């Protein structure tokens, strides 16, 4: 079964969208696992959330930028 993954974007702790998907890379591995990489240079320090969506669900991945 192929999983179609959509990256919605990056949100700050107040729920504001701060960036689209252009600087995010996802590498899918076996059995639904993978790596997510966000090129966050130029983004102020803080906590952000990357929203991922797929058929049947979604997940918000927390990221701390120092």
Protein backbone atom coordinates (compact mmCIF):
# COMPACT_ATOMS: atom_id res chain seq x y z
CA UNK A 1 0.00 0.00 0.00
CA UNK A 2 1.39 3.40 -0.97
CA UNK A 3 1.04 6.24 1.54
CA UNK A 4 0.44 9.67 0.04
CA UNK A 5 1.86 12.29 2.41
CA UNK A 6 1.04 15.98 2.23
CA UNK A 7 3.00 18.61 4.13
CA UNK A 8 0.68 21.41 5.14
CA UNK A 9 3.34 23.79 6.45
CA UNK A 10 5.10 25.10 9.56
CA UNK A 11 3.13 26.79 12.34
CA UNK A 12 4.25 28.75 15.40
CA UNK A 13 3.00 28.10 18.94
CA UNK A 14 0.08 30.51 18.35
CA UNK A 15 -1.14 28.49 15.35
CA UNK A 16 0.00 30.99 12.70
CA UNK A 17 1.41 29.54 9.50
CA UNK A 18 4.98 30.83 9.25
CA UNK A 19 6.24 28.85 6.27
CA UNK A 20 5.02 26.61 3.48
CA UNK A 21 6.40 23.23 2.49
CA UNK A 22 9.15 24.50 0.18
CA UNK A 23 12.03 24.01 2.66
CA UNK A 24 10.81 20.70 4.13
CA UNK A 25 12.04 17.34 2.90
CA UNK A 26 10.54 13.98 3.87
CA UNK A 27 12.30 10.71 3.17
CA UNK A 28 9.97 7.74 3.69
CA UNK A 29 11.41 4.50 5.02
CA UNK A 30 9.87 1.06 5.52
CA UNK A 31 6.53 0.52 7.27
CA UNK A 32 5.47 4.14 7.62
CA UNK A 33 8.68 5.45 9.17
CA UNK A 34 10.77 8.22 7.73
CA UNK A 35 12.89 11.30 8.23
CA UNK A 36 11.73 14.89 8.15
CA UNK A 37 14.20 17.73 7.54
CA UNK A 38 13.33 21.43 7.68
CA UNK A 39 15.80 24.05 6.47
CA UNK A 40 14.96 26.62 9.16
CA UNK A 41 17.79 29.13 8.73
CA UNK A 42 16.54 32.67 9.25
CA UNK A 43 13.65 31.56 11.48
CA UNK A 44 13.60 33.06 15.00
CA UNK A 45 14.26 30.73 17.94
CA UNK A 46 11.13 29.07 19.31
CA UNK A 47 8.84 26.07 19.12
CA UNK A 48 7.23 25.26 15.78
CA UNK A 49 4.95 22.52 14.48
CA UNK A 50 5.11 20.85 11.07
CA UNK A 51 1.68 19.58 10.05
CA UNK A 52 1.64 16.35 8.04
CA UNK A 53 -1.54 14.94 6.46
CA UNK A 54 -2.29 11.62 4.80
CA UNK A 55 -5.39 9.64 3.87
CA UNK A 56 -7.05 8.79 7.17
CA UNK A 57 -5.06 11.03 9.48
CA UNK A 58 -2.69 13.84 10.32
CA UNK A 59 0.10 14.55 12.77
CA UNK A 60 1.73 17.66 14.14
CA UNK A 61 5.50 17.24 14.61
CA UNK A 62 7.05 19.62 17.19
CA UNK A 63 10.38 21.26 16.32
CA UNK A 64 12.56 23.42 18.59
CA UNK A 65 14.71 26.04 16.85
CA UNK A 66 17.55 27.35 19.02
